[in-house]
Structures are given as structure tokens and as C-alpha cells.
Amino acid sequence: MKHYPHPRGPLYRRKRSIPAFHPVPVCPRADGWTPQRQVDFIGHLAETGSVLAAARAVSMGRESAYRLRRRHGAAGFAAAWDAALGKPHDPVDLASGKATGLLASYRCEHGRLKVVMYNGRYAAHRRIPDNDALLQWEKQTARGLL
């Protein structure tokens, strides 16, 4: 009796859509949660499905990852975390400062981070400019100057 391989291949993994998110504002430290480490953590979390393994991959602790998730302004990060694990999450309006808890100037400066997955593996990340935040910031500064 012949056995045929699965049409999608033996390493087929369900494609997950991880939403772009704003990095959580933290104090700049060499050994802390930088925006680069945050996006790498989400990528490794989507790849492994383990918070501990993802935290170890970016040289951070599991407890500090959970603390980062609970911080003010981490709504997008938490939604990306849930999407990486395949859990349902509430959509976050990244164009709204009320939904994200972040100032327009911060959102404009740092942009959004998008995790790129290829064949179920973390391949890269992209920084997407936040044009909505730029327009909101310009409106706020124009009101202050008038």
C-alpha cells in the first residue's frame, strides 16, 4: 500500500496573522526591553508557542515579559502576543491615542512594528511609519501655535 505525503508538506503550519503594534514605552537601557527585543520576542513567541523559550531567545526573563505586557500603553503588544499564540483577542485601534494609551508624538517617532513569518518561522520584522499619528501630532502642535 502506497503512502502519499501530505499535499501541504510535512512541515506545514497554520499561517497566523500577527497585527502590527507600537512598542511599549520603556526607559532606555542596554539590558532592558528595547523595541527590537519586543518585536523579536513576539516573533519567537509565534514560532515556539512558549513564553519562556521566547524570553530566553531575547535574553530576558519570563516574569519581565509578563510585566511588560501589563504596562500602560501595551495594548497593541498584548494583542500581538495573543495573536502569536493563536488566541482570540480584541482588535486595537492603533490610530487612536485613547485605545493605545500612547501620545501621538511617541507613536509618530517609533512607528509600528510588524513581525514577518516565513514557513512558521520568525524571519524578520518591519518598521511601518504611523501616518495617522503624524497627522494627529501636527494638528495638536498647530492648535498650540495658533
N, C-alpha and C. Protein backbone atom coordinates (compact mmCIF):
# COMPACT_ATOMS: atom_id res chain seq x y z
N MET A 1 0.84 -1.17 0.00
CA MET A 1 0.00 0.00 0.00
C MET A 1 0.88 1.24 0.00
N LYS A 2 0.59 2.15 -0.91
CA LYS A 2 1.41 3.36 -1.01
C LYS A 2 0.93 4.41 -0.02
N HIS A 3 1.91 5.15 0.50
CA HIS A 3 1.60 6.28 1.37
C HIS A 3 2.08 7.55 0.67
N TYR A 4 1.16 8.44 0.48
CA TYR A 4 1.49 9.69 -0.19
C TYR A 4 1.69 10.79 0.84
N PRO A 5 2.64 11.69 0.59
CA PRO A 5 2.86 12.78 1.55
C PRO A 5 1.67 13.75 1.56
N HIS A 6 1.57 14.45 2.65
CA HIS A 6 0.51 15.46 2.78
C HIS A 6 0.71 16.51 1.70
N PRO A 7 -0.38 16.96 1.03
CA PRO A 7 -0.21 17.91 -0.07
C PRO A 7 0.41 19.24 0.34
N ARG A 8 0.32 19.60 1.59
CA ARG A 8 0.90 20.86 2.03
C ARG A 8 2.32 20.68 2.57
N GLY A 9 2.78 19.48 2.59
CA GLY A 9 4.14 19.23 3.07
C GLY A 9 4.16 18.81 4.52
N PRO A 10 5.24 18.16 4.97
CA PRO A 10 5.29 17.68 6.35
C PRO A 10 5.47 18.79 7.37
N LEU A 11 6.02 19.90 6.96
CA LEU A 11 6.28 20.99 7.91
C LEU A 11 5.24 22.09 7.81
N TYR A 12 4.05 21.76 7.30
CA TYR A 12 3.02 22.78 7.15
C TYR A 12 2.56 23.24 8.52
N ARG A 13 2.52 24.54 8.69
CA ARG A 13 1.99 25.14 9.91
C ARG A 13 0.94 26.16 9.51
N ARG A 14 -0.06 26.26 10.33
CA ARG A 14 -1.13 27.21 10.04
C ARG A 14 -0.59 28.63 10.06
N LYS A 15 -0.91 29.39 9.04
CA LYS A 15 -0.42 30.75 8.94
C LYS A 15 -1.21 31.64 9.90
N ARG A 16 -0.47 32.34 10.74
CA ARG A 16 -1.10 33.25 11.70
C ARG A 16 -0.83 34.68 11.28
N SER A 17 -1.82 35.48 11.45
CA SER A 17 -1.67 36.90 11.15
C SER A 17 -1.41 37.64 12.46
N ILE A 18 -0.21 38.16 12.59
CA ILE A 18 0.15 38.91 13.80
C ILE A 18 0.03 40.39 13.47
N PRO A 19 -0.82 41.11 14.20
CA PRO A 19 -1.01 42.52 13.88
C PRO A 19 0.22 43.35 14.21
N ALA A 20 0.39 44.44 13.47
CA ALA A 20 1.46 45.39 13.78
C ALA A 20 1.13 46.06 15.11
N PHE A 21 2.15 46.43 15.86
CA PHE A 21 1.93 47.04 17.17
C PHE A 21 2.95 48.14 17.42
N HIS A 22 2.59 49.03 18.32
CA HIS A 22 3.52 50.07 18.76
C HIS A 22 4.36 49.50 19.89
N PRO A 23 5.66 49.76 19.91
CA PRO A 23 6.47 49.25 21.03
C PRO A 23 6.04 49.90 22.33
N VAL A 24 6.14 49.15 23.40
CA VAL A 24 5.77 49.65 24.72
C VAL A 24 6.84 50.65 25.17
N PRO A 25 6.43 51.84 25.63
CA PRO A 25 7.43 52.81 26.07
C PRO A 25 8.11 52.36 27.36
N VAL A 26 9.42 52.27 27.31
CA VAL A 26 10.23 51.87 28.47
C VAL A 26 11.44 52.80 28.55
N CYS A 27 12.08 52.79 29.71
CA CYS A 27 13.30 53.58 29.87
C CYS A 27 14.41 52.96 29.03
N PRO A 28 15.23 53.80 28.38
CA PRO A 28 16.30 53.23 27.55
C PRO A 28 17.40 52.61 28.41
N ARG A 29 17.54 51.30 28.28
CA ARG A 29 18.57 50.55 28.98
C ARG A 29 19.14 49.52 28.03
N ALA A 30 20.41 49.25 28.14
CA ALA A 30 21.04 48.28 27.26
C ALA A 30 20.55 46.86 27.54
N ASP A 31 20.22 46.58 28.81
CA ASP A 31 19.77 45.24 29.17
C ASP A 31 18.26 45.16 29.37
N GLY A 32 17.51 46.15 28.87
CA GLY A 32 16.07 46.19 29.06
C GLY A 32 15.30 45.84 27.79
N TRP A 33 14.01 46.12 27.83
CA TRP A 33 13.12 45.82 26.71
C TRP A 33 13.18 46.94 25.68
N THR A 34 14.03 46.82 24.72
CA THR A 34 14.09 47.76 23.62
C THR A 34 13.01 47.39 22.60
N PRO A 35 12.65 48.31 21.68
CA PRO A 35 11.68 47.94 20.64
C PRO A 35 12.14 46.73 19.81
N GLN A 36 13.44 46.62 19.56
CA GLN A 36 13.97 45.47 18.83
C GLN A 36 13.70 44.17 19.59
N ARG A 37 13.94 44.17 20.89
CA ARG A 37 13.70 42.97 21.68
C ARG A 37 12.22 42.63 21.75
N GLN A 38 11.37 43.66 21.77
CA GLN A 38 9.93 43.42 21.83
C GLN A 38 9.44 42.70 20.58
N VAL A 39 9.86 43.17 19.41
CA VAL A 39 9.41 42.53 18.17
C VAL A 39 10.05 41.17 18.01
N ASP A 40 11.30 40.99 18.43
CA ASP A 40 11.93 39.67 18.39
C ASP A 40 11.21 38.69 19.32
N PHE A 41 10.79 39.18 20.48
CA PHE A 41 10.06 38.33 21.43
C PHE A 41 8.75 37.83 20.81
N ILE A 42 8.00 38.72 20.17
CA ILE A 42 6.73 38.32 19.55
C ILE A 42 6.99 37.32 18.42
N GLY A 43 8.04 37.53 17.64
CA GLY A 43 8.38 36.61 16.57
C GLY A 43 8.74 35.23 17.09
N HIS A 44 9.56 35.17 18.12
CA HIS A 44 9.95 33.88 18.70
C HIS A 44 8.76 33.23 19.42
N LEU A 45 7.88 34.05 19.98
CA LEU A 45 6.68 33.51 20.63
C LEU A 45 5.77 32.85 19.60
N ALA A 46 5.62 33.46 18.43
CA ALA A 46 4.81 32.85 17.37
C ALA A 46 5.44 31.57 16.86
N GLU A 47 6.76 31.54 16.85
CA GLU A 47 7.48 30.35 16.34
C GLU A 47 7.42 29.19 17.33
N THR A 48 7.67 29.46 18.61
CA THR A 48 7.78 28.39 19.59
C THR A 48 6.49 28.11 20.34
N GLY A 49 5.67 29.14 20.56
CA GLY A 49 4.45 28.97 21.35
C GLY A 49 4.72 28.94 22.84
N SER A 50 5.93 29.27 23.25
CA SER A 50 6.32 29.23 24.66
C SER A 50 6.86 30.60 25.07
N VAL A 51 6.28 31.16 26.14
CA VAL A 51 6.74 32.45 26.64
C VAL A 51 8.16 32.32 27.18
N LEU A 52 8.45 31.24 27.88
CA LEU A 52 9.78 31.03 28.45
C LEU A 52 10.84 30.92 27.35
N ALA A 53 10.57 30.14 26.31
CA ALA A 53 11.54 29.98 25.23
C ALA A 53 11.74 31.28 24.46
N ALA A 54 10.66 32.03 24.25
CA ALA A 54 10.78 33.30 23.54
C ALA A 54 11.56 34.32 24.37
N ALA A 55 11.32 34.35 25.67
CA ALA A 55 12.05 35.27 26.55
C ALA A 55 13.53 34.91 26.59
N ARG A 56 13.83 33.64 26.65
CA ARG A 56 15.23 33.22 26.65
C ARG A 56 15.92 33.55 25.33
N ALA A 57 15.17 33.49 24.22
CA ALA A 57 15.75 33.78 22.91
C ALA A 57 16.18 35.24 22.80
N VAL A 58 15.53 36.13 23.56
CA VAL A 58 15.91 37.55 23.51
C VAL A 58 16.66 37.98 24.77
N SER A 59 17.13 37.00 25.55
CA SER A 59 17.93 37.23 26.77
C SER A 59 17.18 38.05 27.81
N MET A 60 15.91 37.73 27.99
CA MET A 60 15.10 38.38 29.02
C MET A 60 14.42 37.30 29.85
N GLY A 61 13.79 37.71 30.94
CA GLY A 61 13.10 36.77 31.81
C GLY A 61 11.61 36.69 31.50
N ARG A 62 11.03 35.56 31.83
CA ARG A 62 9.61 35.35 31.60
C ARG A 62 8.77 36.32 32.42
N GLU A 63 9.16 36.56 33.66
CA GLU A 63 8.41 37.46 34.53
C GLU A 63 8.43 38.89 34.00
N SER A 64 9.58 39.31 33.48
CA SER A 64 9.66 40.68 32.95
C SER A 64 8.81 40.82 31.69
N ALA A 65 8.64 39.73 30.93
CA ALA A 65 7.77 39.79 29.75
C ALA A 65 6.32 39.99 30.17
N TYR A 66 5.90 39.29 31.22
CA TYR A 66 4.54 39.47 31.72
C TYR A 66 4.35 40.88 32.31
N ARG A 67 5.37 41.42 32.96
CA ARG A 67 5.28 42.79 33.48
C ARG A 67 5.18 43.79 32.34
N LEU A 68 5.92 43.56 31.27
CA LEU A 68 5.86 44.44 30.10
C LEU A 68 4.47 44.41 29.49
N ARG A 69 3.86 43.26 29.45
CA ARG A 69 2.52 43.13 28.88
C ARG A 69 1.49 43.91 29.69
N ARG A 70 1.68 44.02 31.00
CA ARG A 70 0.73 44.73 31.86
C ARG A 70 0.95 46.23 31.94
N ARG A 71 2.03 46.74 31.36
CA ARG A 71 2.36 48.16 31.46
C ARG A 71 1.35 49.03 30.72
N HIS A 72 1.34 50.31 31.09
CA HIS A 72 0.50 51.29 30.41
C HIS A 72 1.01 51.47 28.98
N GLY A 73 0.11 51.43 28.01
CA GLY A 73 0.49 51.60 26.62
C GLY A 73 0.86 50.31 25.91
N ALA A 74 0.54 49.16 26.53
CA ALA A 74 0.92 47.87 25.94
C ALA A 74 -0.26 47.15 25.30
N ALA A 75 -1.30 47.87 24.92
CA ALA A 75 -2.49 47.21 24.34
C ALA A 75 -2.16 46.52 23.03
N GLY A 76 -1.41 47.18 22.16
CA GLY A 76 -1.03 46.58 20.89
C GLY A 76 -0.08 45.41 21.07
N PHE A 77 0.86 45.53 22.00
CA PHE A 77 1.79 44.45 22.31
C PHE A 77 1.04 43.23 22.82
N ALA A 78 0.05 43.44 23.69
CA ALA A 78 -0.74 42.33 24.23
C ALA A 78 -1.57 41.67 23.13
N ALA A 79 -2.11 42.46 22.21
CA ALA A 79 -2.88 41.89 21.10
C ALA A 79 -1.98 41.07 20.18
N ALA A 80 -0.76 41.54 19.94
CA ALA A 80 0.19 40.79 19.12
C ALA A 80 0.61 39.50 19.84
N TRP A 81 0.78 39.57 21.15
CA TRP A 81 1.12 38.40 21.96
C TRP A 81 0.02 37.34 21.81
N ASP A 82 -1.25 37.75 21.99
CA ASP A 82 -2.36 36.80 21.87
C ASP A 82 -2.44 36.22 20.47
N ALA A 83 -2.24 37.04 19.45
CA ALA A 83 -2.28 36.55 18.07
C ALA A 83 -1.15 35.57 17.80
N ALA A 84 0.01 35.81 18.39
CA ALA A 84 1.16 34.91 18.20
C ALA A 84 0.88 33.54 18.80
N LEU A 85 0.10 33.50 19.87
CA LEU A 85 -0.25 32.22 20.49
C LEU A 85 -1.50 31.61 19.89
N GLY A 86 -2.15 32.31 18.96
CA GLY A 86 -3.35 31.79 18.33
C GLY A 86 -4.60 31.98 19.15
N LYS A 87 -4.56 32.86 20.14
CA LYS A 87 -5.72 33.12 20.99
C LYS A 87 -6.54 34.26 20.39
N PRO A 88 -7.84 34.24 20.61
CA PRO A 88 -8.64 35.38 20.14
C PRO A 88 -8.32 36.61 20.98
N HIS A 89 -8.33 37.76 20.33
CA HIS A 89 -8.03 39.00 21.04
C HIS A 89 -8.93 40.11 20.52
N ASP A 90 -9.11 41.11 21.33
CA ASP A 90 -9.89 42.26 20.90
C ASP A 90 -9.04 43.11 19.98
N PRO A 91 -9.61 43.57 18.86
CA PRO A 91 -8.83 44.42 17.96
C PRO A 91 -8.53 45.76 18.62
N VAL A 92 -7.34 46.27 18.37
CA VAL A 92 -6.91 47.54 18.93
C VAL A 92 -6.84 48.56 17.80
N ASP A 93 -7.47 49.71 18.01
CA ASP A 93 -7.42 50.78 17.02
C ASP A 93 -6.09 51.52 17.21
N LEU A 94 -5.11 51.19 16.38
CA LEU A 94 -3.78 51.78 16.54
C LEU A 94 -3.74 53.24 16.15
N ALA A 95 -4.77 53.75 15.47
CA ALA A 95 -4.79 55.15 15.09
C ALA A 95 -5.29 56.04 16.22
N SER A 96 -5.79 55.44 17.28
CA SER A 96 -6.36 56.21 18.38
C SER A 96 -5.42 56.21 19.58
N GLY A 97 -5.16 57.39 20.08
CA GLY A 97 -4.36 57.50 21.29
C GLY A 97 -5.10 56.99 22.51
N LYS A 98 -6.44 57.05 22.48
CA LYS A 98 -7.23 56.55 23.60
C LYS A 98 -7.15 55.03 23.70
N ALA A 99 -7.15 54.36 22.56
CA ALA A 99 -7.11 52.90 22.57
C ALA A 99 -5.73 52.37 22.94
N THR A 100 -4.68 53.02 22.45
CA THR A 100 -3.33 52.53 22.72
C THR A 100 -2.76 53.08 24.02
N GLY A 101 -3.23 54.23 24.45
CA GLY A 101 -2.69 54.86 25.66
C GLY A 101 -1.36 55.54 25.42
N LEU A 102 -1.03 55.81 24.16
CA LEU A 102 0.25 56.42 23.82
C LEU A 102 0.03 57.79 23.18
N LEU A 103 0.95 58.69 23.41
CA LEU A 103 0.87 60.01 22.80
C LEU A 103 1.15 59.92 21.31
N ALA A 104 0.59 60.88 20.56
CA ALA A 104 0.78 60.90 19.11
C ALA A 104 2.25 61.10 18.75
N SER A 105 2.97 61.89 19.55
CA SER A 105 4.38 62.11 19.25
C SER A 105 5.19 60.82 19.39
N TYR A 106 4.88 60.01 20.40
CA TYR A 106 5.57 58.73 20.59
C TYR A 106 5.24 57.78 19.44
N ARG A 107 3.95 57.69 19.08
CA ARG A 107 3.54 56.80 18.01
C ARG A 107 4.15 57.22 16.68
N CYS A 108 4.28 58.53 16.47
CA CYS A 108 4.88 59.04 15.24
C CYS A 108 6.38 58.74 15.20
N GLU A 109 7.05 58.92 16.30
CA GLU A 109 8.50 58.73 16.35
C GLU A 109 8.90 57.26 16.18
N HIS A 110 8.20 56.35 16.84
CA HIS A 110 8.59 54.95 16.84
C HIS A 110 7.90 54.11 15.77
N GLY A 111 6.75 54.57 15.27
CA GLY A 111 6.04 53.81 14.25
C GLY A 111 5.47 52.51 14.80
N ARG A 112 5.09 51.63 13.90
CA ARG A 112 4.56 50.33 14.29
C ARG A 112 5.54 49.25 13.86
N LEU A 113 5.56 48.16 14.60
CA LEU A 113 6.44 47.04 14.31
C LEU A 113 5.60 45.88 13.80
N LYS A 114 6.03 45.27 12.71
CA LYS A 114 5.31 44.15 12.10
C LYS A 114 6.24 42.95 12.05
N VAL A 115 5.79 41.83 12.57
CA VAL A 115 6.55 40.58 12.57
C VAL A 115 6.32 39.88 11.23
N VAL A 116 7.40 39.43 10.60
CA VAL A 116 7.33 38.71 9.33
C VAL A 116 7.67 37.25 9.59
N MET A 117 6.71 36.37 9.28
CA MET A 117 6.90 34.93 9.46
C MET A 117 7.03 34.28 8.09
N TYR A 118 7.88 33.27 7.98
CA TYR A 118 8.05 32.53 6.73
C TYR A 118 8.10 31.04 7.07
N ASN A 119 7.16 30.28 6.56
CA ASN A 119 7.05 28.84 6.82
C ASN A 119 7.01 28.53 8.32
N GLY A 120 6.27 29.35 9.07
CA GLY A 120 6.13 29.11 10.50
C GLY A 120 7.33 29.52 11.33
N ARG A 121 8.30 30.17 10.73
CA ARG A 121 9.50 30.62 11.44
C ARG A 121 9.56 32.14 11.42
N TYR A 122 10.14 32.69 12.47
CA TYR A 122 10.34 34.14 12.55
C TYR A 122 11.46 34.52 11.59
N ALA A 123 11.15 35.30 10.57
CA ALA A 123 12.13 35.65 9.54
C ALA A 123 12.71 37.04 9.75
N ALA A 124 11.86 38.02 9.98
CA ALA A 124 12.34 39.40 10.08
C ALA A 124 11.24 40.25 10.71
N HIS A 125 11.51 41.54 10.77
CA HIS A 125 10.47 42.48 11.19
C HIS A 125 10.56 43.72 10.32
N ARG A 126 9.47 44.45 10.29
CA ARG A 126 9.41 45.70 9.53
C ARG A 126 8.95 46.81 10.45
N ARG A 127 9.48 47.98 10.21
CA ARG A 127 9.00 49.18 10.91
C ARG A 127 8.12 49.94 9.94
N ILE A 128 6.86 50.14 10.32
CA ILE A 128 5.87 50.80 9.48
C ILE A 128 5.63 52.19 10.04
N PRO A 129 5.79 53.25 9.25
CA PRO A 129 5.52 54.58 9.77
C PRO A 129 4.04 54.75 10.09
N ASP A 130 3.75 55.48 11.15
CA ASP A 130 2.37 55.71 11.58
C ASP A 130 1.94 57.10 11.11
N ASN A 131 1.35 57.16 9.93
CA ASN A 131 0.94 58.43 9.34
C ASN A 131 -0.23 59.06 10.08
N ASP A 132 -1.12 58.24 10.64
CA ASP A 132 -2.24 58.78 11.42
C ASP A 132 -1.73 59.56 12.63
N ALA A 133 -0.73 59.02 13.29
CA ALA A 133 -0.16 59.70 14.45
C ALA A 133 0.53 60.99 14.02
N LEU A 134 1.16 60.99 12.85
CA LEU A 134 1.81 62.20 12.35
C LEU A 134 0.79 63.30 12.12
N LEU A 135 -0.35 62.97 11.52
CA LEU A 135 -1.39 63.96 11.29
C LEU A 135 -1.98 64.46 12.61
N GLN A 136 -2.20 63.57 13.57
CA GLN A 136 -2.72 63.99 14.87
C GLN A 136 -1.72 64.89 15.58
N TRP A 137 -0.45 64.57 15.50
CA TRP A 137 0.58 65.37 16.15
C TRP A 137 0.66 66.76 15.52
N GLU A 138 0.56 66.83 14.18
CA GLU A 138 0.57 68.12 13.51
C GLU A 138 -0.62 68.96 13.91
N LYS A 139 -1.79 68.35 14.04
CA LYS A 139 -2.98 69.08 14.47
C LYS A 139 -2.79 69.62 15.88
N GLN A 140 -2.24 68.80 16.77
CA GLN A 140 -2.03 69.23 18.15
C GLN A 140 -1.04 70.38 18.24
N THR A 141 0.04 70.31 17.47
CA THR A 141 1.03 71.39 17.53
C THR A 141 0.50 72.65 16.85
N ALA A 142 -0.31 72.52 15.81
CA ALA A 142 -0.89 73.69 15.16
C ALA A 142 -1.87 74.40 16.08
N ARG A 143 -2.63 73.67 16.86
CA ARG A 143 -3.54 74.28 17.82
C ARG A 143 -2.78 75.01 18.90
N GLY A 144 -1.63 74.45 19.28
CA GLY A 144 -0.83 75.10 20.31
C GLY A 144 -0.16 76.37 19.82
N LEU A 145 0.14 76.45 18.52
CA LEU A 145 0.82 77.62 17.95
C LEU A 145 -0.16 78.75 17.62
N LEU A 146 -1.42 78.40 17.36
CA LEU A 146 -2.41 79.43 16.98
C LEU A 146 -2.90 80.23 18.12
